[in-house]
Each structure stands twice: as structure tokens, then as C-alpha cells.
Amino acid sequence: MIIQLTQSLGEVSLRFLNIFYEALYFAYQCLHKLVQKRSYNSAMREILVKQIFFTAVQVLPLILFIGIILGTILVPIIVHFSLEYALKDHIGTFITHIVLNELAPLTLVFLIALRSGAAINTEISVMKVSNELNTLKAFNINIIEYLFLPRILAGIISVTLLTFLLSIIILLSGYIYLFFFFKAGADLYVRTLIQAISMNVFLMLFIKSILFGFFVTLVPIYSALGSSKSYTGIPIAVLNGMVKLIITIISIEVIILLIQY
């Protein structure tokens, strides 16, 4: 019994290590192409523009709506409780940590994951089932450069820009709400916020956005490549890809928190 249990654990561990190694190698291949100048040909740039439009531009109204809702609800609550518990000197720190470090990047990456991550997973899975990937390879077309790189780069650019945009909308809508309903609180809000925001805050937000943008497209692509060659396997691949993506996002968040604190 003990021998069988040990053998089963060993097989599971080896299978997990093999999958982890293959995922790391695929990430390395994509990163290698990402820094190569020859990867950015005219066909790749055309697809990149379309992917940025789909990932970032089309979602702008939703980002604006979410930012206004979060700003008018969350920021006044933070200011109210800070003033109530005599912590007005820490208002800027609280808002910076909650909005810039956590809320904006996580809200944005989960939104992109649900919208674009699932779409990319489905698209690549369909191309695999219909043998389009093999057809591209037969014509000596590098699928990483032609298919994967534009989507990964669009994810990085879109998530980074939209995260900063969402942060600005949340902070600005919070100020507008405070200005109209708590004029004294609005002045205090601006002063403490200016004092709390530093280059380290922007740097951490930038790094987190790039990591989220890279993996929010990489994980669905890798998951789609591992799907079965049948149309019935596409929903399973999409579901597995979303689970892996959520685990990846949470893992990145936990690792960054451990590094910070």
C-alpha cells in the first residue's frame, strides 16, 4: 500500500514537473521572439493593431463605467473611515495601496482574462482542431511570430495602459464625488494623495501590469495548444485555461506581495 502510494505520488510529481518545464520553455520561446527585431514584420504589426483594438479600445466604455463606480464608492469610504478614526495623515497611503497596488491591476486583469483570455483560448483551439496551425507550419510560417506574439504583445500593452487609465478614473471620480459632497475632504484627499504617490508606486504598478499582460495571453495560448483535436474538447480547453489563468494571476499577486512586505 505504501509502495503504491509512493509510486502514485512520484508519477504525479513527475507529470507536474514535465508540464511545468514545457510551460516555462514555451514562455521562453515567446520571450525570445518578443525581443527579436525580425519578429516585427508587416504581417505581425497588422495583427498587433487589430488585437490592441479588440483588447483595449473596444473595452474602454466598460473601463470608464467600472472606474466611475469604484471611485465613487470606494474612495469616499476610505476617506470617511480615515477621518472617523483619526487617520487622516494616512489617507493617501490607504488609497495608494488599495487602488494603485491592488484594486486597479486586479480588476483590469480579471476583466481582460474573462473577455480576451477566453476568446484567445477558443480561437487557437479551433485553429488546432481545423489543422490551421499545421497548415501554417507547412508553409514555413512561424506560428509564434504570426499568431502568438501579436496577442501577447497586445496583452502587455493593453493591460498596462488600461491599468493606468483605470487608476486615474478611480482617483478622479473619487475626487469629484468628494468635491461635491465633502468639499473639505476633497482638499485633504488631494494633498495626502500627492504626498503618498511616489515613483516606486508607479514602478510597481508598471511591473505588475506587464506581468499580468504577459500571462493573461500566454496561459490561454498554451492551454489551447494542449487541447484535444476534437471540437468537443474546445470547451474543456477553455475551462482549463481559465482555471490555470486565475491560478497564475493569484500566484503573481501573492509573490509580489511577499516581495513587497
C-alpha atoms as a PDB file:
ATOM      1  CA  MET A   1       0.000   0.000   0.000  1.00  0.00           C
ATOM      2  CA  ILE A   2       2.766   2.442   0.970  1.00  0.00           C
ATOM      3  CA  ILE A   3       4.769   1.489  -2.113  1.00  0.00           C
ATOM      4  CA  GLN A   4       1.793   2.065  -4.399  1.00  0.00           C
ATOM      5  CA  LEU A   5       1.066   5.420  -2.752  1.00  0.00           C
ATOM      6  CA  THR A   6       4.699   6.475  -3.117  1.00  0.00           C
ATOM      7  CA  GLN A   7       4.701   5.380  -6.751  1.00  0.00           C
ATOM      8  CA  SER A   8       1.494   7.325  -7.465  1.00  0.00           C
ATOM      9  CA  LEU A   9       2.869  10.454  -5.807  1.00  0.00           C
ATOM     10  CA  GLY A  10       6.073  10.094  -7.791  1.00  0.00           C
ATOM     11  CA  GLU A  11       4.195   9.777 -11.080  1.00  0.00           C
ATOM     12  CA  VAL A  12       2.040  12.796 -10.290  1.00  0.00           C
ATOM     13  CA  SER A  13       5.105  14.826  -9.312  1.00  0.00           C
ATOM     14  CA  LEU A  14       6.976  13.873 -12.488  1.00  0.00           C
ATOM     15  CA  ARG A  15       3.946  14.713 -14.616  1.00  0.00           C
ATOM     16  CA  PHE A  16       3.611  18.089 -12.896  1.00  0.00           C
ATOM     17  CA  LEU A  17       7.318  18.853 -13.341  1.00  0.00           C
ATOM     18  CA  ASN A  18       7.131  17.898 -17.002  1.00  0.00           C
ATOM     19  CA  ILE A  19       4.129  20.188 -17.591  1.00  0.00           C
ATOM     20  CA  PHE A  20       5.837  22.996 -15.662  1.00  0.00           C
ATOM     21  CA  TYR A  21       9.022  22.583 -17.717  1.00  0.00           C
ATOM     22  CA  GLU A  22       7.096  22.628 -21.003  1.00  0.00           C
ATOM     23  CA  ALA A  23       5.222  25.765 -19.911  1.00  0.00           C
ATOM     24  CA  LEU A  24       8.471  27.505 -18.952  1.00  0.00           C
ATOM     25  CA  TYR A  25      10.069  26.523 -22.257  1.00  0.00           C
ATOM     26  CA  PHE A  26       7.086  27.858 -24.193  1.00  0.00           C
ATOM     27  CA  ALA A  27       7.263  31.120 -22.215  1.00  0.00           C
ATOM     28  CA  TYR A  28      10.992  31.323 -23.013  1.00  0.00           C
ATOM     29  CA  GLN A  29      10.304  30.824 -26.735  1.00  0.00           C
ATOM     30  CA  CYS A  30       7.735  33.628 -26.713  1.00  0.00           C
ATOM     31  CA  LEU A  31      10.020  35.961 -24.762  1.00  0.00           C
ATOM     32  CA  HIS A  32      12.881  35.182 -27.139  1.00  0.00           C
ATOM     33  CA  LYS A  33      10.735  36.137 -30.125  1.00  0.00           C
ATOM     34  CA  LEU A  34       9.483  39.189 -28.262  1.00  0.00           C
ATOM     35  CA  VAL A  35      12.959  40.753 -28.112  1.00  0.00           C
ATOM     36  CA  GLN A  36      13.946  39.869 -31.680  1.00  0.00           C
ATOM     37  CA  LYS A  37      13.677  42.735 -34.143  1.00  0.00           C
ATOM     38  CA  ARG A  38      12.943  40.443 -37.112  1.00  0.00           C
ATOM     39  CA  SER A  39       9.764  39.236 -35.400  1.00  0.00           C
ATOM     40  CA  TYR A  40       8.108  42.588 -36.014  1.00  0.00           C
ATOM     41  CA  ASN A  41       7.299  42.215 -39.699  1.00  0.00           C
ATOM     42  CA  SER A  42       4.385  43.863 -41.507  1.00  0.00           C
ATOM     43  CA  ALA A  43       2.009  40.919 -41.050  1.00  0.00           C
ATOM     44  CA  MET A  44       2.728  40.765 -37.326  1.00  0.00           C
ATOM     45  CA  ARG A  45       2.228  44.526 -36.905  1.00  0.00           C
ATOM     46  CA  GLU A  46      -1.112  44.380 -38.713  1.00  0.00           C
ATOM     47  CA  ILE A  47      -2.383  41.638 -36.410  1.00  0.00           C
ATOM     48  CA  LEU A  48      -0.987  43.516 -33.399  1.00  0.00           C
ATOM     49  CA  VAL A  49      -3.033  46.621 -34.226  1.00  0.00           C
ATOM     50  CA  LYS A  50      -6.197  44.529 -34.565  1.00  0.00           C
ATOM     51  CA  GLN A  51      -5.530  42.759 -31.266  1.00  0.00           C
ATOM     52  CA  ILE A  52      -4.938  46.039 -29.426  1.00  0.00           C
ATOM     53  CA  PHE A  53      -8.207  47.363 -30.841  1.00  0.00           C
ATOM     54  CA  PHE A  54     -10.065  44.246 -29.700  1.00  0.00           C
ATOM     55  CA  THR A  55      -8.379  44.038 -26.287  1.00  0.00           C
ATOM     56  CA  ALA A  56      -8.124  47.706 -25.310  1.00  0.00           C
ATOM     57  CA  VAL A  57     -10.180  50.048 -27.460  1.00  0.00           C
ATOM     58  CA  GLN A  58     -13.445  48.097 -27.512  1.00  0.00           C
ATOM     59  CA  VAL A  59     -13.416  47.721 -23.736  1.00  0.00           C
ATOM     60  CA  LEU A  60     -12.922  51.443 -22.984  1.00  0.00           C
ATOM     61  CA  PRO A  61     -16.617  52.205 -22.222  1.00  0.00           C
ATOM     62  CA  LEU A  62     -16.710  49.329 -19.727  1.00  0.00           C
ATOM     63  CA  ILE A  63     -13.448  50.513 -18.117  1.00  0.00           C
ATOM     64  CA  LEU A  64     -14.900  54.017 -17.765  1.00  0.00           C
ATOM     65  CA  PHE A  65     -18.076  52.679 -16.165  1.00  0.00           C
ATOM     66  CA  ILE A  66     -16.224  50.390 -13.719  1.00  0.00           C
ATOM     67  CA  GLY A  67     -13.768  53.137 -12.802  1.00  0.00           C
ATOM     68  CA  ILE A  68     -16.518  55.634 -12.011  1.00  0.00           C
ATOM     69  CA  ILE A  69     -18.436  53.098  -9.916  1.00  0.00           C
ATOM     70  CA  LEU A  70     -15.351  52.039  -7.939  1.00  0.00           C
ATOM     71  CA  GLY A  71     -14.170  55.622  -7.478  1.00  0.00           C
ATOM     72  CA  THR A  72     -17.479  56.993  -6.229  1.00  0.00           C
ATOM     73  CA  ILE A  73     -17.980  54.092  -3.816  1.00  0.00           C
ATOM     74  CA  LEU A  74     -14.541  53.061  -2.571  1.00  0.00           C
ATOM     75  CA  VAL A  75     -12.644  56.355  -2.277  1.00  0.00           C
ATOM     76  CA  PRO A  76     -15.286  58.126  -0.110  1.00  0.00           C
ATOM     77  CA  ILE A  77     -15.440  55.068   2.157  1.00  0.00           C
ATOM     78  CA  ILE A  78     -11.652  55.168   2.663  1.00  0.00           C
ATOM     79  CA  VAL A  79     -11.691  58.906   3.353  1.00  0.00           C
ATOM     80  CA  HIS A  80     -14.680  58.617   5.705  1.00  0.00           C
ATOM     81  CA  PHE A  81     -13.180  55.862   7.854  1.00  0.00           C
ATOM     82  CA  SER A  82      -9.760  57.528   7.881  1.00  0.00           C
ATOM     83  CA  LEU A  83     -11.284  60.755   9.219  1.00  0.00           C
ATOM     84  CA  GLU A  84     -13.515  58.899  11.667  1.00  0.00           C
ATOM     85  CA  TYR A  85     -10.594  57.004  13.209  1.00  0.00           C
ATOM     86  CA  ALA A  86      -8.208  59.990  13.185  1.00  0.00           C
ATOM     87  CA  LEU A  87      -6.038  58.575  10.406  1.00  0.00           C
ATOM     88  CA  LYS A  88      -6.260  61.487   8.014  1.00  0.00           C
ATOM     89  CA  ASP A  89      -2.467  61.547   7.564  1.00  0.00           C
ATOM     90  CA  HIS A  90      -2.678  58.037   6.093  1.00  0.00           C
ATOM     91  CA  ILE A  91      -5.478  58.652   3.587  1.00  0.00           C
ATOM     92  CA  GLY A  92      -3.042  58.892   0.688  1.00  0.00           C
ATOM     93  CA  THR A  93      -1.261  55.700   1.749  1.00  0.00           C
ATOM     94  CA  PHE A  94      -4.521  53.773   2.075  1.00  0.00           C
ATOM     95  CA  ILE A  95      -5.809  54.918  -1.306  1.00  0.00           C
ATOM     96  CA  THR A  96      -2.463  54.307  -2.986  1.00  0.00           C
ATOM     97  CA  HIS A  97      -2.190  50.784  -1.600  1.00  0.00           C
ATOM     98  CA  ILE A  98      -5.812  49.781  -2.221  1.00  0.00           C
ATOM     99  CA  VAL A  99      -6.372  51.440  -5.602  1.00  0.00           C
ATOM    100  CA  LEU A 100      -2.992  51.558  -7.336  1.00  0.00           C
ATOM    101  CA  ASN A 101      -1.331  48.484  -5.859  1.00  0.00           C
ATOM    102  CA  GLU A 102      -4.265  46.087  -5.708  1.00  0.00           C
ATOM    103  CA  LEU A 103      -7.694  47.128  -6.973  1.00  0.00           C
ATOM    104  CA  ALA A 104      -6.893  48.623 -10.393  1.00  0.00           C
ATOM    105  CA  PRO A 105      -4.485  45.947 -11.670  1.00  0.00           C
ATOM    106  CA  LEU A 106      -6.518  43.009 -10.350  1.00  0.00           C
ATOM    107  CA  THR A 107      -9.843  44.375 -11.616  1.00  0.00           C
ATOM    108  CA  LEU A 108      -8.362  45.049 -15.022  1.00  0.00           C
ATOM    109  CA  VAL A 109      -6.563  41.746 -15.460  1.00  0.00           C
ATOM    110  CA  PHE A 110      -9.611  39.702 -14.454  1.00  0.00           C
ATOM    111  CA  LEU A 111     -11.729  41.716 -16.888  1.00  0.00           C
ATOM    112  CA  ILE A 112      -9.255  41.100 -19.730  1.00  0.00           C
ATOM    113  CA  ALA A 113      -8.959  37.439 -18.713  1.00  0.00           C
ATOM    114  CA  LEU A 114     -12.714  36.913 -18.944  1.00  0.00           C
ATOM    115  CA  ARG A 115     -13.046  38.833 -22.188  1.00  0.00           C
ATOM    116  CA  SER A 116      -9.867  38.310 -24.206  1.00  0.00           C
ATOM    117  CA  GLY A 117      -8.297  35.297 -22.483  1.00  0.00           C
ATOM    118  CA  ALA A 118     -11.273  33.052 -23.186  1.00  0.00           C
ATOM    119  CA  ALA A 119     -11.535  34.371 -26.754  1.00  0.00           C
ATOM    120  CA  ILE A 120      -7.856  33.691 -27.478  1.00  0.00           C
ATOM    121  CA  ASN A 121      -8.115  30.210 -25.984  1.00  0.00           C
ATOM    122  CA  THR A 122     -11.143  29.408 -28.146  1.00  0.00           C
ATOM    123  CA  GLU A 123      -9.563  30.880 -31.273  1.00  0.00           C
ATOM    124  CA  ILE A 124      -6.312  28.914 -31.002  1.00  0.00           C
ATOM    125  CA  SER A 125      -8.175  25.730 -30.048  1.00  0.00           C
ATOM    126  CA  VAL A 126     -10.373  26.000 -33.151  1.00  0.00           C
ATOM    127  CA  MET A 127      -7.307  26.598 -35.315  1.00  0.00           C
ATOM    128  CA  LYS A 128      -5.694  23.476 -33.873  1.00  0.00           C
ATOM    129  CA  VAL A 129      -8.779  21.298 -34.423  1.00  0.00           C
ATOM    130  CA  SER A 130      -9.216  22.549 -38.004  1.00  0.00           C
ATOM    131  CA  ASN A 131      -5.495  21.936 -38.711  1.00  0.00           C
ATOM    132  CA  GLU A 132      -4.864  25.605 -39.487  1.00  0.00           C
ATOM    133  CA  LEU A 133      -1.762  25.548 -37.261  1.00  0.00           C
ATOM    134  CA  ASN A 134      -0.330  22.617 -39.226  1.00  0.00           C
ATOM    135  CA  THR A 135      -1.134  24.405 -42.483  1.00  0.00           C
ATOM    136  CA  LEU A 136       0.794  27.473 -41.376  1.00  0.00           C
ATOM    137  CA  LYS A 137       3.738  25.291 -40.384  1.00  0.00           C
ATOM    138  CA  ALA A 138       3.599  23.548 -43.788  1.00  0.00           C
ATOM    139  CA  PHE A 139       4.066  26.946 -45.445  1.00  0.00           C
ATOM    140  CA  ASN A 140       7.053  27.649 -43.172  1.00  0.00           C
ATOM    141  CA  ILE A 141       5.179  30.347 -41.249  1.00  0.00           C
ATOM    142  CA  ASN A 142       6.377  30.718 -37.684  1.00  0.00           C
ATOM    143  CA  ILE A 143       3.178  30.492 -35.633  1.00  0.00           C
ATOM    144  CA  ILE A 144       4.810  32.126 -32.604  1.00  0.00           C
ATOM    145  CA  GLU A 145       5.677  35.217 -34.629  1.00  0.00           C
ATOM    146  CA  TYR A 146       2.488  35.276 -36.679  1.00  0.00           C
ATOM    147  CA  LEU A 147      -0.158  34.168 -34.153  1.00  0.00           C
ATOM    148  CA  PHE A 148       1.120  34.216 -30.591  1.00  0.00           C
ATOM    149  CA  LEU A 149       3.457  37.218 -30.441  1.00  0.00           C
ATOM    150  CA  PRO A 150       0.877  39.833 -31.584  1.00  0.00           C
ATOM    151  CA  ARG A 151      -1.604  38.586 -28.982  1.00  0.00           C
ATOM    152  CA  ILE A 152       0.971  38.517 -26.184  1.00  0.00           C
ATOM    153  CA  LEU A 153       2.313  41.965 -27.045  1.00  0.00           C
ATOM    154  CA  ALA A 154      -1.220  43.341 -27.359  1.00  0.00           C
ATOM    155  CA  GLY A 155      -1.982  41.903 -23.916  1.00  0.00           C
ATOM    156  CA  ILE A 156       1.059  43.587 -22.388  1.00  0.00           C
ATOM    157  CA  ILE A 157       0.346  46.968 -23.990  1.00  0.00           C
ATOM    158  CA  SER A 158      -3.404  46.864 -23.335  1.00  0.00           C
ATOM    159  CA  VAL A 159      -3.239  45.728 -19.713  1.00  0.00           C
ATOM    160  CA  THR A 160      -0.520  48.265 -18.876  1.00  0.00           C
ATOM    161  CA  LEU A 161      -2.267  51.245 -20.460  1.00  0.00           C
ATOM    162  CA  LEU A 162      -5.729  50.275 -19.235  1.00  0.00           C
ATOM    163  CA  THR A 163      -4.481  49.707 -15.678  1.00  0.00           C
ATOM    164  CA  PHE A 164      -3.093  53.238 -15.515  1.00  0.00           C
ATOM    165  CA  LEU A 165      -6.254  54.579 -17.139  1.00  0.00           C
ATOM    166  CA  LEU A 166      -8.486  52.730 -14.673  1.00  0.00           C
ATOM    167  CA  SER A 167      -6.388  54.045 -11.760  1.00  0.00           C
ATOM    168  CA  ILE A 168      -6.763  57.627 -12.990  1.00  0.00           C
ATOM    169  CA  ILE A 169     -10.525  57.231 -13.490  1.00  0.00           C
ATOM    170  CA  ILE A 170     -10.982  55.781  -9.987  1.00  0.00           C
ATOM    171  CA  LEU A 171      -8.926  58.540  -8.338  1.00  0.00           C
ATOM    172  CA  LEU A 172     -10.557  61.308 -10.396  1.00  0.00           C
ATOM    173  CA  SER A 173     -14.119  60.093  -9.881  1.00  0.00           C
ATOM    174  CA  GLY A 174     -13.403  59.787  -6.161  1.00  0.00           C
ATOM    175  CA  TYR A 175     -12.211  63.385  -6.077  1.00  0.00           C
ATOM    176  CA  ILE A 176     -15.267  64.642  -7.994  1.00  0.00           C
ATOM    177  CA  TYR A 177     -17.600  62.860  -5.570  1.00  0.00           C
ATOM    178  CA  LEU A 178     -15.773  64.280  -2.547  1.00  0.00           C
ATOM    179  CA  PHE A 179     -15.715  67.755  -4.074  1.00  0.00           C
ATOM    180  CA  PHE A 180     -19.475  67.912  -4.482  1.00  0.00           C
ATOM    181  CA  PHE A 181     -20.470  66.208  -1.223  1.00  0.00           C
ATOM    182  CA  PHE A 182     -17.487  66.778   1.142  1.00  0.00           C
ATOM    183  CA  LYS A 183     -15.585  69.848  -0.003  1.00  0.00           C
ATOM    184  CA  ALA A 184     -13.191  69.815   2.947  1.00  0.00           C
ATOM    185  CA  GLY A 185     -12.486  66.142   2.373  1.00  0.00           C
ATOM    186  CA  ALA A 186     -11.645  66.790  -1.278  1.00  0.00           C
ATOM    187  CA  ASP A 187      -8.799  69.187  -0.439  1.00  0.00           C
ATOM    188  CA  LEU A 188      -7.395  66.786   2.131  1.00  0.00           C
ATOM    189  CA  TYR A 189      -7.734  63.946  -0.351  1.00  0.00           C
ATOM    190  CA  VAL A 190      -5.649  65.737  -2.987  1.00  0.00           C
ATOM    191  CA  ARG A 191      -2.888  66.828  -0.597  1.00  0.00           C
ATOM    192  CA  THR A 192      -2.390  63.449   1.011  1.00  0.00           C
ATOM    193  CA  LEU A 193      -2.599  61.664  -2.331  1.00  0.00           C
ATOM    194  CA  ILE A 194       0.159  63.813  -3.826  1.00  0.00           C
ATOM    195  CA  GLN A 195       2.356  63.108  -0.809  1.00  0.00           C
ATOM    196  CA  ALA A 196       1.731  59.353  -0.928  1.00  0.00           C
ATOM    197  CA  ILE A 197       2.278  58.702  -4.640  1.00  0.00           C
ATOM    198  CA  SER A 198       5.931  58.126  -5.486  1.00  0.00           C
ATOM    199  CA  MET A 199       7.994  56.669  -8.319  1.00  0.00           C
ATOM    200  CA  ASN A 200       8.111  53.323  -6.505  1.00  0.00           C
ATOM    201  CA  VAL A 201       4.319  53.143  -6.628  1.00  0.00           C
ATOM    202  CA  PHE A 202       4.290  53.755 -10.382  1.00  0.00           C
ATOM    203  CA  LEU A 203       7.181  51.346 -10.912  1.00  0.00           C
ATOM    204  CA  MET A 204       5.434  48.548  -9.029  1.00  0.00           C
ATOM    205  CA  LEU A 205       2.187  49.236 -10.899  1.00  0.00           C
ATOM    206  CA  PHE A 206       4.091  49.136 -14.191  1.00  0.00           C
ATOM    207  CA  ILE A 207       5.865  45.842 -13.387  1.00  0.00           C
ATOM    208  CA  LYS A 208       2.665  44.172 -12.176  1.00  0.00           C
ATOM    209  CA  SER A 209       0.777  45.338 -15.275  1.00  0.00           C
ATOM    210  CA  ILE A 210       3.437  43.927 -17.609  1.00  0.00           C
ATOM    211  CA  LEU A 211       3.440  40.569 -15.820  1.00  0.00           C
ATOM    212  CA  PHE A 212      -0.353  40.383 -15.847  1.00  0.00           C
ATOM    213  CA  GLY A 213      -0.475  41.406 -19.512  1.00  0.00           C
ATOM    214  CA  PHE A 214       2.080  38.765 -20.491  1.00  0.00           C
ATOM    215  CA  PHE A 215       0.449  35.852 -18.699  1.00  0.00           C
ATOM    216  CA  VAL A 216      -3.168  36.830 -19.416  1.00  0.00           C
ATOM    217  CA  THR A 217      -2.487  35.907 -23.065  1.00  0.00           C
ATOM    218  CA  LEU A 218       0.315  33.347 -22.702  1.00  0.00           C
ATOM    219  CA  VAL A 219      -1.633  30.950 -20.457  1.00  0.00           C
ATOM    220  CA  PRO A 220      -4.724  30.733 -22.740  1.00  0.00           C
ATOM    221  CA  ILE A 221      -2.486  30.158 -25.783  1.00  0.00           C
ATOM    222  CA  TYR A 222      -0.513  27.413 -24.053  1.00  0.00           C
ATOM    223  CA  SER A 223      -3.704  25.800 -22.780  1.00  0.00           C
ATOM    224  CA  ALA A 224      -5.226  25.843 -26.273  1.00  0.00           C
ATOM    225  CA  LEU A 225      -2.161  24.129 -27.728  1.00  0.00           C
ATOM    226  CA  GLY A 226      -2.667  21.287 -25.267  1.00  0.00           C
ATOM    227  CA  SER A 227      -6.310  20.724 -26.199  1.00  0.00           C
ATOM    228  CA  SER A 228      -7.526  17.575 -27.929  1.00  0.00           C
ATOM    229  CA  LYS A 229      -8.067  17.523 -31.689  1.00  0.00           C
ATOM    230  CA  SER A 230     -11.832  17.477 -31.483  1.00  0.00           C
ATOM    231  CA  TYR A 231     -14.442  20.218 -31.310  1.00  0.00           C
ATOM    232  CA  THR A 232     -15.895  18.706 -28.150  1.00  0.00           C
ATOM    233  CA  GLY A 233     -12.558  19.309 -26.437  1.00  0.00           C
ATOM    234  CA  ILE A 234     -12.613  23.073 -27.054  1.00  0.00           C
ATOM    235  CA  PRO A 235     -14.905  23.975 -24.102  1.00  0.00           C
ATOM    236  CA  ILE A 236     -12.749  21.795 -21.834  1.00  0.00           C
ATOM    237  CA  ALA A 237      -9.592  23.543 -23.044  1.00  0.00           C
ATOM    238  CA  VAL A 238     -11.177  26.956 -22.453  1.00  0.00           C
ATOM    239  CA  LEU A 239     -12.321  25.980 -18.954  1.00  0.00           C
ATOM    240  CA  ASN A 240      -8.911  24.515 -18.049  1.00  0.00           C
ATOM    241  CA  GLY A 241      -7.213  27.582 -19.473  1.00  0.00           C
ATOM    242  CA  MET A 242      -9.326  29.934 -17.359  1.00  0.00           C
ATOM    243  CA  VAL A 243      -8.612  27.925 -14.208  1.00  0.00           C
ATOM    244  CA  LYS A 244      -4.874  27.977 -14.943  1.00  0.00           C
ATOM    245  CA  LEU A 245      -5.031  31.687 -15.702  1.00  0.00           C
ATOM    246  CA  ILE A 246      -6.782  32.524 -12.424  1.00  0.00           C
ATOM    247  CA  ILE A 247      -4.234  30.443 -10.501  1.00  0.00           C
ATOM    248  CA  THR A 248      -1.415  32.229 -12.343  1.00  0.00           C
ATOM    249  CA  ILE A 249      -2.826  35.686 -11.587  1.00  0.00           C
ATOM    250  CA  ILE A 250      -3.275  34.869  -7.905  1.00  0.00           C
ATOM    251  CA  SER A 251       0.242  33.384  -7.757  1.00  0.00           C
ATOM    252  CA  ILE A 252       1.765  36.533  -9.274  1.00  0.00           C
ATOM    253  CA  GLU A 253      -0.159  38.698  -6.820  1.00  0.00           C
ATOM    254  CA  VAL A 254       0.980  36.615  -3.837  1.00  0.00           C
ATOM    255  CA  ILE A 255       4.623  36.606  -4.983  1.00  0.00           C
ATOM    256  CA  ILE A 256       4.621  40.395  -5.448  1.00  0.00           C
ATOM    257  CA  LEU A 257       3.032  40.875  -2.009  1.00  0.00           C
ATOM    258  CA  LEU A 258       5.704  38.651  -0.432  1.00  0.00           C
ATOM    259  CA  ILE A 259       8.449  40.633  -2.184  1.00  0.00           C
ATOM    260  CA  GLN A 260       6.941  43.953  -1.083  1.00  0.00           C
ATOM    261  CA  TYR A 261       6.340  43.009   2.550  1.00  0.00           C
END
